[in-house]
C-alpha atoms as a PDB file:
ATOM      1  CA  MET A   1      27.589  81.641 -11.612  1.00  0.00           C
ATOM      2  CA  ILE A   2      29.620  78.553 -10.696  1.00  0.00           C
ATOM      3  CA  LYS A   3      32.218  79.459  -8.096  1.00  0.00           C
ATOM      4  CA  ASN A   4      35.893  79.278  -9.099  1.00  0.00           C
ATOM      5  CA  ALA A   5      34.881  78.618 -12.714  1.00  0.00           C
ATOM      6  CA  LYS A   6      36.687  80.401 -15.523  1.00  0.00           C
ATOM      7  CA  LEU A   7      34.327  81.217 -18.399  1.00  0.00           C
ATOM      8  CA  ILE A   8      35.148  80.073 -21.895  1.00  0.00           C
ATOM      9  CA  HIS A   9      34.281  82.321 -24.858  1.00  0.00           C
ATOM     10  CA  MET A  10      30.636  82.871 -25.718  1.00  0.00           C
ATOM     11  CA  THR A  11      29.247  80.195 -28.044  1.00  0.00           C
ATOM     12  CA  ASN A  12      26.334  80.972 -30.364  1.00  0.00           C
ATOM     13  CA  PHE A  13      24.439  78.633 -32.671  1.00  0.00           C
ATOM     14  CA  PHE A  14      21.062  78.476 -34.372  1.00  0.00           C
ATOM     15  CA  ILE A  15      18.433  75.736 -34.311  1.00  0.00           C
ATOM     16  CA  ARG A  16      17.794  73.954 -37.589  1.00  0.00           C
ATOM     17  CA  GLN A  17      14.442  72.636 -38.781  1.00  0.00           C
ATOM     18  CA  LYS A  18      15.086  69.045 -37.650  1.00  0.00           C
ATOM     19  CA  PHE A  19      15.383  70.123 -33.997  1.00  0.00           C
ATOM     20  CA  ILE A  20      11.982  71.829 -33.814  1.00  0.00           C
ATOM     21  CA  ASP A  21      10.048  70.786 -30.683  1.00  0.00           C
ATOM     22  CA  GLU A  22      13.171  69.251 -29.121  1.00  0.00           C
ATOM     23  CA  ARG A  23      13.425  70.147 -25.435  1.00  0.00           C
ATOM     24  CA  LEU A  24      16.231  72.615 -24.719  1.00  0.00           C
ATOM     25  CA  ASP A  25      17.964  70.581 -22.015  1.00  0.00           C
ATOM     26  CA  LYS A  26      17.885  67.366 -24.081  1.00  0.00           C
ATOM     27  CA  TYR A  27      19.274  69.172 -27.100  1.00  0.00           C
ATOM     28  CA  LEU A  28      22.123  70.693 -25.091  1.00  0.00           C
ATOM     29  CA  VAL A  29      23.035  67.355 -23.485  1.00  0.00           C
ATOM     30  CA  ALA A  30      23.796  65.992 -26.961  1.00  0.00           C
ATOM     31  CA  ARG A  31      25.283  69.235 -28.328  1.00  0.00           C
ATOM     32  CA  LEU A  32      27.595  70.016 -25.388  1.00  0.00           C
ATOM     33  CA  ARG A  33      28.331  66.410 -24.385  1.00  0.00           C
ATOM     34  CA  LEU A  34      27.385  67.094 -20.763  1.00  0.00           C
ATOM     35  CA  SER A  35      25.049  65.364 -18.331  1.00  0.00           C
ATOM     36  CA  ARG A  36      21.485  66.588 -18.004  1.00  0.00           C
ATOM     37  CA  ASN A  37      22.185  67.822 -14.462  1.00  0.00           C
ATOM     38  CA  GLN A  38      25.094  69.921 -15.743  1.00  0.00           C
ATOM     39  CA  VAL A  39      23.011  71.426 -18.522  1.00  0.00           C
ATOM     40  CA  GLN A  40      20.121  72.234 -16.187  1.00  0.00           C
ATOM     41  CA  LYS A  41      22.578  73.832 -13.785  1.00  0.00           C
ATOM     42  CA  LEU A  42      23.927  76.085 -16.552  1.00  0.00           C
ATOM     43  CA  ILE A  43      20.372  77.127 -17.461  1.00  0.00           C
ATOM     44  CA  LYS A  44      19.402  77.885 -13.851  1.00  0.00           C
ATOM     45  CA  GLN A  45      22.606  79.890 -13.376  1.00  0.00           C
ATOM     46  CA  HIS A  46      21.691  82.075 -16.361  1.00  0.00           C
ATOM     47  CA  GLN A  47      24.668  80.987 -18.450  1.00  0.00           C
ATOM     48  CA  ILE A  48      22.426  80.017 -21.367  1.00  0.00           C
ATOM     49  CA  THR A  49      20.059  82.280 -23.284  1.00  0.00           C
ATOM     50  CA  VAL A  50      17.629  81.622 -26.136  1.00  0.00           C
ATOM     51  CA  ASN A  51      17.097  84.605 -28.442  1.00  0.00           C
ATOM     52  CA  ASP A  52      18.922  86.709 -25.817  1.00  0.00           C
ATOM     53  CA  ARG A  53      16.363  85.804 -23.149  1.00  0.00           C
ATOM     54  CA  LEU A  54      16.642  83.505 -20.164  1.00  0.00           C
ATOM     55  CA  PRO A  55      14.898  80.199 -20.950  1.00  0.00           C
ATOM     56  CA  SER A  56      13.204  77.666 -18.730  1.00  0.00           C
ATOM     57  CA  VAL A  57      14.807  74.269 -18.273  1.00  0.00           C
ATOM     58  CA  HIS A  58      12.026  72.528 -20.216  1.00  0.00           C
ATOM     59  CA  GLN A  59      11.630  75.094 -23.007  1.00  0.00           C
ATOM     60  CA  PHE A  60      10.918  73.644 -26.462  1.00  0.00           C
ATOM     61  CA  LEU A  61      12.942  74.800 -29.457  1.00  0.00           C
ATOM     62  CA  ARG A  62      11.757  76.551 -32.602  1.00  0.00           C
ATOM     63  CA  SER A  63      13.433  76.811 -35.982  1.00  0.00           C
ATOM     64  CA  GLY A  64      15.920  79.676 -36.038  1.00  0.00           C
ATOM     65  CA  ASP A  65      16.242  80.008 -32.253  1.00  0.00           C
ATOM     66  CA  LYS A  66      19.605  81.472 -31.292  1.00  0.00           C
ATOM     67  CA  ILE A  67      21.240  79.748 -28.335  1.00  0.00           C
ATOM     68  CA  SER A  68      24.087  81.532 -26.563  1.00  0.00           C
ATOM     69  CA  ILE A  69      26.256  79.787 -23.994  1.00  0.00           C
ATOM     70  CA  ASN A  70      28.788  80.956 -21.452  1.00  0.00           C
ATOM     71  CA  GLN A  71      30.235  77.539 -20.667  1.00  0.00           C
ATOM     72  CA  PRO A  72      32.479  77.267 -17.579  1.00  0.00           C
ATOM     73  CA  ALA A  73      35.619  75.159 -17.774  1.00  0.00           C
ATOM     74  CA  THR A  74      34.451  73.001 -14.876  1.00  0.00           C
ATOM     75  CA  ALA A  75      31.469  71.889 -16.899  1.00  0.00           C
ATOM     76  CA  GLN A  76      33.750  70.246 -19.446  1.00  0.00           C
ATOM     77  CA  THR A  77      35.708  68.268 -16.916  1.00  0.00           C
ATOM     78  CA  ASP A  78      32.961  67.256 -14.490  1.00  0.00           C
ATOM     79  CA  ASN A  79      31.448  64.563 -16.682  1.00  0.00           C
ATOM     80  CA  SER A  80      32.257  60.976 -15.732  1.00  0.00           C
ATOM     81  CA  VAL A  81      31.596  59.783 -19.285  1.00  0.00           C
ATOM     82  CA  LYS A  82      34.761  60.689 -21.211  1.00  0.00           C
ATOM     83  CA  THR A  83      33.418  59.754 -24.628  1.00  0.00           C
ATOM     84  CA  VAL A  84      29.758  60.203 -25.410  1.00  0.00           C
ATOM     85  CA  PRO A  85      27.555  59.382 -28.396  1.00  0.00           C
ATOM     86  CA  LYS A  86      26.048  61.802 -30.849  1.00  0.00           C
ATOM     87  CA  ILE A  87      22.353  61.583 -31.592  1.00  0.00           C
ATOM     88  CA  ILE A  88      21.971  61.907 -35.354  1.00  0.00           C
ATOM     89  CA  LYS A  89      18.268  61.087 -35.784  1.00  0.00           C
ATOM     90  CA  THR A  90      15.321  61.514 -33.424  1.00  0.00           C
ATOM     91  CA  THR A  91      11.777  60.308 -34.009  1.00  0.00           C
ATOM     92  CA  ALA A  92       8.858  59.638 -31.686  1.00  0.00           C
ATOM     93  CA  ASP A  93       9.756  55.943 -31.848  1.00  0.00           C
ATOM     94  CA  TYR A  94      13.544  55.778 -31.709  1.00  0.00           C
ATOM     95  CA  TYR A  95      16.915  57.497 -31.620  1.00  0.00           C
ATOM     96  CA  ILE A  96      19.783  56.714 -33.969  1.00  0.00           C
ATOM     97  CA  ILE A  97      23.078  57.363 -32.229  1.00  0.00           C
ATOM     98  CA  ASN A  98      26.688  57.358 -33.353  1.00  0.00           C
ATOM     99  CA  LYS A  99      28.657  55.536 -30.651  1.00  0.00           C
ATOM    100  CA  PRO A 100      32.318  56.526 -30.330  1.00  0.00           C
ATOM    101  CA  ALA A 101      35.030  53.937 -29.878  1.00  0.00           C
ATOM    102  CA  GLY A 102      36.106  53.543 -26.253  1.00  0.00           C
ATOM    103  CA  LEU A 103      32.579  53.638 -24.845  1.00  0.00           C
ATOM    104  CA  LEU A 104      31.237  50.429 -23.298  1.00  0.00           C
ATOM    105  CA  VAL A 105      27.586  49.837 -24.243  1.00  0.00           C
ATOM    106  CA  HIS A 106      26.427  48.476 -20.867  1.00  0.00           C
ATOM    107  CA  PRO A 107      28.003  47.530 -17.524  1.00  0.00           C
ATOM    108  CA  THR A 108      29.645  44.137 -17.175  1.00  0.00           C
ATOM    109  CA  ALA A 109      30.021  42.105 -13.988  1.00  0.00           C
ATOM    110  CA  LYS A 110      32.578  44.730 -12.919  1.00  0.00           C
ATOM    111  CA  GLY A 111      29.772  47.260 -12.530  1.00  0.00           C
ATOM    112  CA  GLU A 112      31.127  50.077 -14.725  1.00  0.00           C
ATOM    113  CA  THR A 113      29.289  53.396 -14.414  1.00  0.00           C
ATOM    114  CA  ASP A 114      30.584  55.260 -17.474  1.00  0.00           C
ATOM    115  CA  THR A 115      28.730  53.314 -20.160  1.00  0.00           C
ATOM    116  CA  LEU A 116      26.478  54.192 -23.063  1.00  0.00           C
ATOM    117  CA  LEU A 117      23.521  52.970 -21.005  1.00  0.00           C
ATOM    118  CA  ASP A 118      24.363  55.428 -18.218  1.00  0.00           C
ATOM    119  CA  TRP A 119      24.488  58.255 -20.750  1.00  0.00           C
ATOM    120  CA  LEU A 120      21.208  57.240 -22.356  1.00  0.00           C
ATOM    121  CA  LEU A 121      19.327  57.107 -19.059  1.00  0.00           C
ATOM    122  CA  ALA A 122      20.706  60.508 -18.082  1.00  0.00           C
ATOM    123  CA  PHE A 123      19.677  61.925 -21.446  1.00  0.00           C
ATOM    124  CA  ASP A 124      16.201  60.353 -21.465  1.00  0.00           C
ATOM    125  CA  PRO A 125      15.127  58.766 -18.147  1.00  0.00           C
ATOM    126  CA  LYS A 126      11.976  57.331 -19.777  1.00  0.00           C
ATOM    127  CA  LEU A 127      14.175  54.771 -21.541  1.00  0.00           C
ATOM    128  CA  LYS A 128      14.459  52.959 -18.223  1.00  0.00           C
ATOM    129  CA  THR A 129      11.068  51.307 -18.821  1.00  0.00           C
ATOM    130  CA  VAL A 130      11.798  50.218 -22.399  1.00  0.00           C
ATOM    131  CA  GLY A 131      12.629  46.580 -23.108  1.00  0.00           C
ATOM    132  CA  ASP A 132      12.522  43.177 -21.487  1.00  0.00           C
ATOM    133  CA  ASP A 133      15.702  43.340 -19.375  1.00  0.00           C
ATOM    134  CA  PRO A 134      15.616  45.877 -16.512  1.00  0.00           C
ATOM    135  CA  ASN A 135      19.415  45.740 -16.324  1.00  0.00           C
ATOM    136  CA  ARG A 136      19.804  46.707 -19.981  1.00  0.00           C
ATOM    137  CA  PRO A 137      16.798  48.877 -20.907  1.00  0.00           C
ATOM    138  CA  ALA A 138      16.390  50.208 -24.451  1.00  0.00           C
ATOM    139  CA  LEU A 139      19.251  48.087 -25.811  1.00  0.00           C
ATOM    140  CA  ILE A 140      18.362  45.746 -28.654  1.00  0.00           C
ATOM    141  CA  HIS A 141      21.855  45.386 -30.117  1.00  0.00           C
ATOM    142  CA  ARG A 142      25.385  46.388 -29.229  1.00  0.00           C
ATOM    143  CA  LEU A 143      28.794  47.331 -30.544  1.00  0.00           C
ATOM    144  CA  ASP A 144      32.105  46.284 -29.026  1.00  0.00           C
ATOM    145  CA  LYS A 145      33.710  48.910 -26.821  1.00  0.00           C
ATOM    146  CA  GLU A 146      36.558  49.401 -29.319  1.00  0.00           C
ATOM    147  CA  VAL A 147      34.152  49.806 -32.263  1.00  0.00           C
ATOM    148  CA  SER A 148      32.311  52.957 -33.357  1.00  0.00           C
ATOM    149  CA  GLY A 149      29.177  53.598 -35.341  1.00  0.00           C
ATOM    150  CA  LEU A 150      25.404  53.508 -35.605  1.00  0.00           C
ATOM    151  CA  MET A 151      22.987  52.049 -33.074  1.00  0.00           C
ATOM    152  CA  ILE A 152      19.190  52.078 -32.814  1.00  0.00           C
ATOM    153  CA  ILE A 153      17.684  53.033 -29.446  1.00  0.00           C
ATOM    154  CA  PRO A 154      13.898  52.404 -29.219  1.00  0.00           C
ATOM    155  CA  ARG A 155      11.984  54.977 -27.174  1.00  0.00           C
ATOM    156  CA  HIS A 156       8.971  52.869 -26.119  1.00  0.00           C
ATOM    157  CA  LEU A 157       7.905  49.233 -25.813  1.00  0.00           C
ATOM    158  CA  ASP A 158       6.186  48.967 -29.192  1.00  0.00           C
ATOM    159  CA  ALA A 159       9.327  50.264 -30.871  1.00  0.00           C
ATOM    160  CA  PHE A 160      11.459  47.854 -28.846  1.00  0.00           C
ATOM    161  CA  ASP A 161       9.317  44.906 -29.960  1.00  0.00           C
ATOM    162  CA  HIS A 162       9.388  46.105 -33.575  1.00  0.00           C
ATOM    163  CA  PHE A 163      13.167  46.357 -33.765  1.00  0.00           C
ATOM    164  CA  LYS A 164      13.691  43.184 -31.783  1.00  0.00           C
ATOM    165  CA  LYS A 165      11.634  41.338 -34.392  1.00  0.00           C
ATOM    166  CA  LEU A 166      13.601  42.945 -37.230  1.00  0.00           C
ATOM    167  CA  PHE A 167      16.903  41.842 -35.713  1.00  0.00           C
ATOM    168  CA  LYS A 168      15.582  38.347 -35.044  1.00  0.00           C
ATOM    169  CA  THR A 169      14.403  37.948 -38.643  1.00  0.00           C
ATOM    170  CA  ARG A 170      17.553  39.614 -40.010  1.00  0.00           C
ATOM    171  CA  ALA A 171      15.467  42.360 -41.588  1.00  0.00           C
ATOM    172  CA  ILE A 172      17.875  45.123 -40.550  1.00  0.00           C
ATOM    173  CA  HIS A 173      20.684  45.570 -43.056  1.00  0.00           C
ATOM    174  CA  LYS A 174      23.940  46.578 -41.348  1.00  0.00           C
ATOM    175  CA  THR A 175      27.044  47.764 -43.191  1.00  0.00           C
ATOM    176  CA  TYR A 176      30.458  48.095 -41.580  1.00  0.00           C
ATOM    177  CA  VAL A 177      33.753  49.483 -42.834  1.00  0.00           C
ATOM    178  CA  ALA A 178      36.963  47.692 -41.825  1.00  0.00           C
ATOM    179  CA  LEU A 179      40.638  47.981 -42.706  1.00  0.00           C
ATOM    180  CA  VAL A 180      42.355  44.611 -42.533  1.00  0.00           C
ATOM    181  CA  HIS A 181      45.943  43.440 -42.703  1.00  0.00           C
ATOM    182  CA  GLY A 182      47.108  41.903 -45.956  1.00  0.00           C
ATOM    183  CA  THR A 183      45.788  42.029 -49.505  1.00  0.00           C
ATOM    184  CA  ILE A 184      42.618  40.047 -50.196  1.00  0.00           C
ATOM    185  CA  ALA A 185      42.662  38.691 -53.725  1.00  0.00           C
ATOM    186  CA  ALA A 186      38.929  38.056 -54.150  1.00  0.00           C
ATOM    187  CA  GLU A 187      36.593  40.956 -54.894  1.00  0.00           C
ATOM    188  CA  SER A 188      34.053  39.604 -52.415  1.00  0.00           C
ATOM    189  CA  GLY A 189      33.415  36.597 -50.241  1.00  0.00           C
ATOM    190  CA  ILE A 190      31.395  34.875 -47.535  1.00  0.00           C
ATOM    191  CA  ILE A 191      32.847  33.655 -44.236  1.00  0.00           C
ATOM    192  CA  ASN A 192      30.606  31.158 -42.462  1.00  0.00           C
ATOM    193  CA  PHE A 193      32.704  29.474 -39.795  1.00  0.00           C
ATOM    194  CA  PRO A 194      30.709  28.656 -36.634  1.00  0.00           C
ATOM    195  CA  ILE A 195      31.814  30.650 -33.596  1.00  0.00           C
ATOM    196  CA  THR A 196      32.393  29.298 -30.120  1.00  0.00           C
ATOM    197  CA  ARG A 197      33.971  30.555 -26.921  1.00  0.00           C
ATOM    198  CA  SER A 198      37.355  29.182 -25.942  1.00  0.00           C
ATOM    199  CA  LYS A 199      38.595  28.403 -22.430  1.00  0.00           C
ATOM    200  CA  SER A 200      40.478  31.716 -22.447  1.00  0.00           C
ATOM    201  CA  GLY A 201      37.193  33.589 -22.842  1.00  0.00           C
ATOM    202  CA  LEU A 202      37.878  34.731 -26.390  1.00  0.00           C
ATOM    203  CA  TYR A 203      35.674  33.693 -29.273  1.00  0.00           C
ATOM    204  CA  VAL A 204      37.116  31.435 -31.964  1.00  0.00           C
ATOM    205  CA  ALA A 205      36.042  30.182 -35.379  1.00  0.00           C
ATOM    206  CA  SER A 206      35.375  26.467 -35.612  1.00  0.00           C
ATOM    207  CA  PRO A 207      35.990  24.490 -38.811  1.00  0.00           C
ATOM    208  CA  GLN A 208      33.281  24.832 -41.439  1.00  0.00           C
ATOM    209  CA  ASN A 209      30.367  22.409 -40.914  1.00  0.00           C
ATOM    210  CA  SER A 210      31.580  21.828 -37.364  1.00  0.00           C
ATOM    211  CA  ALA A 211      29.029  20.545 -34.870  1.00  0.00           C
ATOM    212  CA  THR A 212      30.354  22.938 -32.224  1.00  0.00           C
ATOM    213  CA  GLY A 213      29.664  26.641 -32.013  1.00  0.00           C
ATOM    214  CA  GLN A 214      26.914  28.934 -33.237  1.00  0.00           C
ATOM    215  CA  SER A 215      26.306  29.412 -36.935  1.00  0.00           C
ATOM    216  CA  ALA A 216      27.615  32.728 -38.233  1.00  0.00           C
ATOM    217  CA  GLU A 217      27.849  34.403 -41.618  1.00  0.00           C
ATOM    218  CA  THR A 218      29.850  37.460 -42.633  1.00  0.00           C
ATOM    219  CA  ARG A 219      29.848  38.834 -46.190  1.00  0.00           C
ATOM    220  CA  PHE A 220      32.495  41.233 -47.422  1.00  0.00           C
ATOM    221  CA  LYS A 221      33.338  43.271 -50.505  1.00  0.00           C
ATOM    222  CA  VAL A 222      36.683  44.893 -51.292  1.00  0.00           C
ATOM    223  CA  THR A 223      36.393  48.667 -51.747  1.00  0.00           C
ATOM    224  CA  LYS A 224      40.096  49.556 -51.948  1.00  0.00           C
ATOM    225  CA  ARG A 225      43.462  47.804 -51.868  1.00  0.00           C
ATOM    226  CA  PHE A 226      46.715  49.160 -50.492  1.00  0.00           C
ATOM    227  CA  ASP A 227      50.228  47.671 -50.485  1.00  0.00           C
ATOM    228  CA  HIS A 228      49.755  45.787 -47.225  1.00  0.00           C
ATOM    229  CA  HIS A 229      46.092  46.372 -46.331  1.00  0.00           C
ATOM    230  CA  THR A 230      42.585  46.022 -47.727  1.00  0.00           C
ATOM    231  CA  LEU A 231      39.554  48.220 -47.076  1.00  0.00           C
ATOM    232  CA  LEU A 232      36.336  46.237 -46.815  1.00  0.00           C
ATOM    233  CA  GLU A 233      32.603  46.824 -46.791  1.00  0.00           C
ATOM    234  CA  ILE A 234      31.086  44.191 -44.503  1.00  0.00           C
ATOM    235  CA  ASN A 235      27.540  42.903 -44.104  1.00  0.00           C
ATOM    236  CA  PRO A 236      27.087  40.478 -41.200  1.00  0.00           C
ATOM    237  CA  LYS A 237      24.060  38.237 -41.697  1.00  0.00           C
ATOM    238  CA  THR A 238      24.171  37.078 -38.075  1.00  0.00           C
ATOM    239  CA  GLY A 239      25.077  39.005 -34.946  1.00  0.00           C
ATOM    240  CA  ARG A 240      27.365  36.823 -32.857  1.00  0.00           C
ATOM    241  CA  THR A 241      29.608  38.468 -30.284  1.00  0.00           C
ATOM    242  CA  ASN A 242      32.841  39.719 -31.930  1.00  0.00           C
ATOM    243  CA  GLN A 243      31.718  37.976 -35.139  1.00  0.00           C
ATOM    244  CA  ILE A 244      33.363  40.244 -37.729  1.00  0.00           C
ATOM    245  CA  ARG A 245      36.630  40.382 -35.803  1.00  0.00           C
ATOM    246  CA  VAL A 246      36.737  36.612 -35.286  1.00  0.00           C
ATOM    247  CA  HIS A 247      35.862  35.800 -38.893  1.00  0.00           C
ATOM    248  CA  LEU A 248      38.416  38.126 -40.472  1.00  0.00           C
ATOM    249  CA  ASN A 249      41.144  36.839 -38.189  1.00  0.00           C
ATOM    250  CA  ALA A 250      40.150  33.279 -39.124  1.00  0.00           C
ATOM    251  CA  ILE A 251      40.959  33.955 -42.796  1.00  0.00           C
ATOM    252  CA  ASP A 252      44.316  35.535 -41.822  1.00  0.00           C
ATOM    253  CA  HIS A 253      43.185  39.106 -42.431  1.00  0.00           C
ATOM    254  CA  PRO A 254      42.644  40.522 -38.921  1.00  0.00           C
ATOM    255  CA  ILE A 255      41.376  44.061 -38.480  1.00  0.00           C
ATOM    256  CA  VAL A 256      43.925  46.823 -37.949  1.00  0.00           C
ATOM    257  CA  GLY A 257      44.136  47.854 -34.303  1.00  0.00           C
ATOM    258  CA  ASP A 258      42.511  44.708 -32.915  1.00  0.00           C
ATOM    259  CA  PRO A 259      44.382  43.712 -29.731  1.00  0.00           C
ATOM    260  CA  LEU A 260      42.469  40.449 -29.245  1.00  0.00           C
ATOM    261  CA  TYR A 261      41.806  38.900 -32.613  1.00  0.00           C
ATOM    262  CA  THR A 262      45.108  39.327 -34.429  1.00  0.00           C
ATOM    263  CA  ASN A 263      47.334  36.360 -35.200  1.00  0.00           C
ATOM    264  CA  ALA A 264      51.065  36.291 -34.575  1.00  0.00           C
ATOM    265  CA  LYS A 265      51.894  36.771 -38.262  1.00  0.00           C
ATOM    266  CA  ILE A 266      51.023  40.473 -38.118  1.00  0.00           C
ATOM    267  CA  LYS A 267      53.931  42.813 -37.487  1.00  0.00           C
ATOM    268  CA  PRO A 268      53.347  45.401 -34.738  1.00  0.00           C
ATOM    269  CA  GLN A 269      54.547  48.297 -36.923  1.00  0.00           C
ATOM    270  CA  TYR A 270      51.441  47.898 -39.062  1.00  0.00           C
ATOM    271  CA  ASN A 271      49.065  48.749 -36.216  1.00  0.00           C
ATOM    272  CA  PHE A 272      49.483  52.558 -36.590  1.00  0.00           C
ATOM    273  CA  ASN A 273      49.493  52.973 -32.773  1.00  0.00           C
ATOM    274  CA  LEU A 274      45.690  52.880 -33.001  1.00  0.00           C
ATOM    275  CA  ASP A 275      43.916  52.715 -29.643  1.00  0.00           C
ATOM    276  CA  ARG A 276      40.786  51.192 -31.154  1.00  0.00           C
ATOM    277  CA  VAL A 277      39.680  48.627 -33.741  1.00  0.00           C
ATOM    278  CA  PHE A 278      39.423  49.898 -37.334  1.00  0.00           C
ATOM    279  CA  LEU A 279      35.797  48.798 -37.550  1.00  0.00           C
ATOM    280  CA  HIS A 280      32.932  51.258 -37.970  1.00  0.00           C
ATOM    281  CA  ALA A 281      29.187  50.588 -38.218  1.00  0.00           C
ATOM    282  CA  ALA A 282      28.595  52.908 -41.166  1.00  0.00           C
ATOM    283  CA  GLU A 283      25.046  52.272 -42.353  1.00  0.00           C
ATOM    284  CA  LEU A 284      21.663  50.968 -41.173  1.00  0.00           C
ATOM    285  CA  ASN A 285      18.701  50.172 -43.406  1.00  0.00           C
ATOM    286  CA  PHE A 286      15.326  49.098 -42.016  1.00  0.00           C
ATOM    287  CA  VAL A 287      11.570  49.563 -42.164  1.00  0.00           C
ATOM    288  CA  ASP A 288      10.223  51.680 -39.305  1.00  0.00           C
ATOM    289  CA  LEU A 289       6.962  51.351 -37.359  1.00  0.00           C
ATOM    290  CA  ASN A 290       5.142  53.351 -40.052  1.00  0.00           C
ATOM    291  CA  GLN A 291       6.314  50.887 -42.723  1.00  0.00           C
ATOM    292  CA  GLN A 292       8.637  53.487 -44.190  1.00  0.00           C
ATOM    293  CA  SER A 293      12.096  52.514 -45.451  1.00  0.00           C
ATOM    294  CA  VAL A 294      14.863  54.235 -43.497  1.00  0.00           C
ATOM    295  CA  SER A 295      18.530  54.532 -44.411  1.00  0.00           C
ATOM    296  CA  VAL A 296      21.034  56.181 -42.067  1.00  0.00           C
ATOM    297  CA  LYS A 297      24.755  56.616 -42.769  1.00  0.00           C
ATOM    298  CA  SER A 298      27.753  57.615 -40.681  1.00  0.00           C
ATOM    299  CA  THR A 299      31.112  58.759 -42.027  1.00  0.00           C
ATOM    300  CA  LEU A 300      34.399  57.322 -40.761  1.00  0.00           C
ATOM    301  CA  PRO A 301      35.795  58.981 -37.633  1.00  0.00           C
ATOM    302  CA  LYS A 302      38.615  61.395 -38.372  1.00  0.00           C
ATOM    303  CA  ASN A 303      41.389  59.218 -36.926  1.00  0.00           C
ATOM    304  CA  LEU A 304      40.403  56.326 -39.171  1.00  0.00           C
ATOM    305  CA  GLN A 305      40.143  58.554 -42.225  1.00  0.00           C
ATOM    306  CA  THR A 306      43.629  59.887 -41.469  1.00  0.00           C
ATOM    307  CA  ILE A 307      45.032  56.356 -41.560  1.00  0.00           C
ATOM    308  CA  LEU A 308      43.489  55.730 -44.975  1.00  0.00           C
ATOM    309  CA  GLU A 309      44.960  58.962 -46.285  1.00  0.00           C
ATOM    310  CA  SER A 310      48.399  57.921 -45.031  1.00  0.00           C
ATOM    311  CA  LEU A 311      48.173  54.696 -47.032  1.00  0.00           C
ATOM    312  CA  ASP A 312      47.423  56.372 -50.374  1.00  0.00           C
END
């Protein structure tokens, strides 16, 4: 037992078909939102049983296995990563994760150590050899820290090359959900202002057909209108940094909760005291390495859904 640790109530759950052959420690890292070291420590200290028997650290799961956990309070507070992703699809070639808002994807020049990349390497150390940048292994795309939603994590080099090609050729269809300020009259539209970086470090939209900046295209469709806001389904055709946020602000409909790309016309009382951007990567569609079409969806986080309900 862990010294000076107060046990929480016993937790029991059963393994579903999709987790067959998943390694016990990997499964518990995602399920309990702990580091691999913490999970392995719980197993070695006999605080976890499988079918009422003590398991090995590397035991593989079977359908219907009953996992019982006596989880100490210290285990919940000893993790340096405060918000962690949820793995919602696992194949031999890739993971699909649901990144929470507030989690930085990879370290910046500041050298952060509580990033998505740190979590991924703790969850699956083999990812360290995947990719073409040793400082950012297994990452082929990203989401802003303040944005939540789906990301693809390739598990080996062939998968990395496959998805890198799909992103380069724009063969991965990405759908976002955003709540913006103001009422958009058109049912749908295309924003194609070039994007460049200003002296302040923020990205800005240049005039259409401008010779400066990188080409960028964002398509949107209105899904619901409120008195002072509009809910949008968004399909970016390019993947420039902060593209959706910059483009929507450029047409005077910035995203709710955006502290950077919101013009002075927006009244503070319409920000709902949201500590994130109301932008969620809700769907991914692509062809996998076996030439099979894949579609993965993610529902809105609860705090965003609550805001929508308050507007009805």
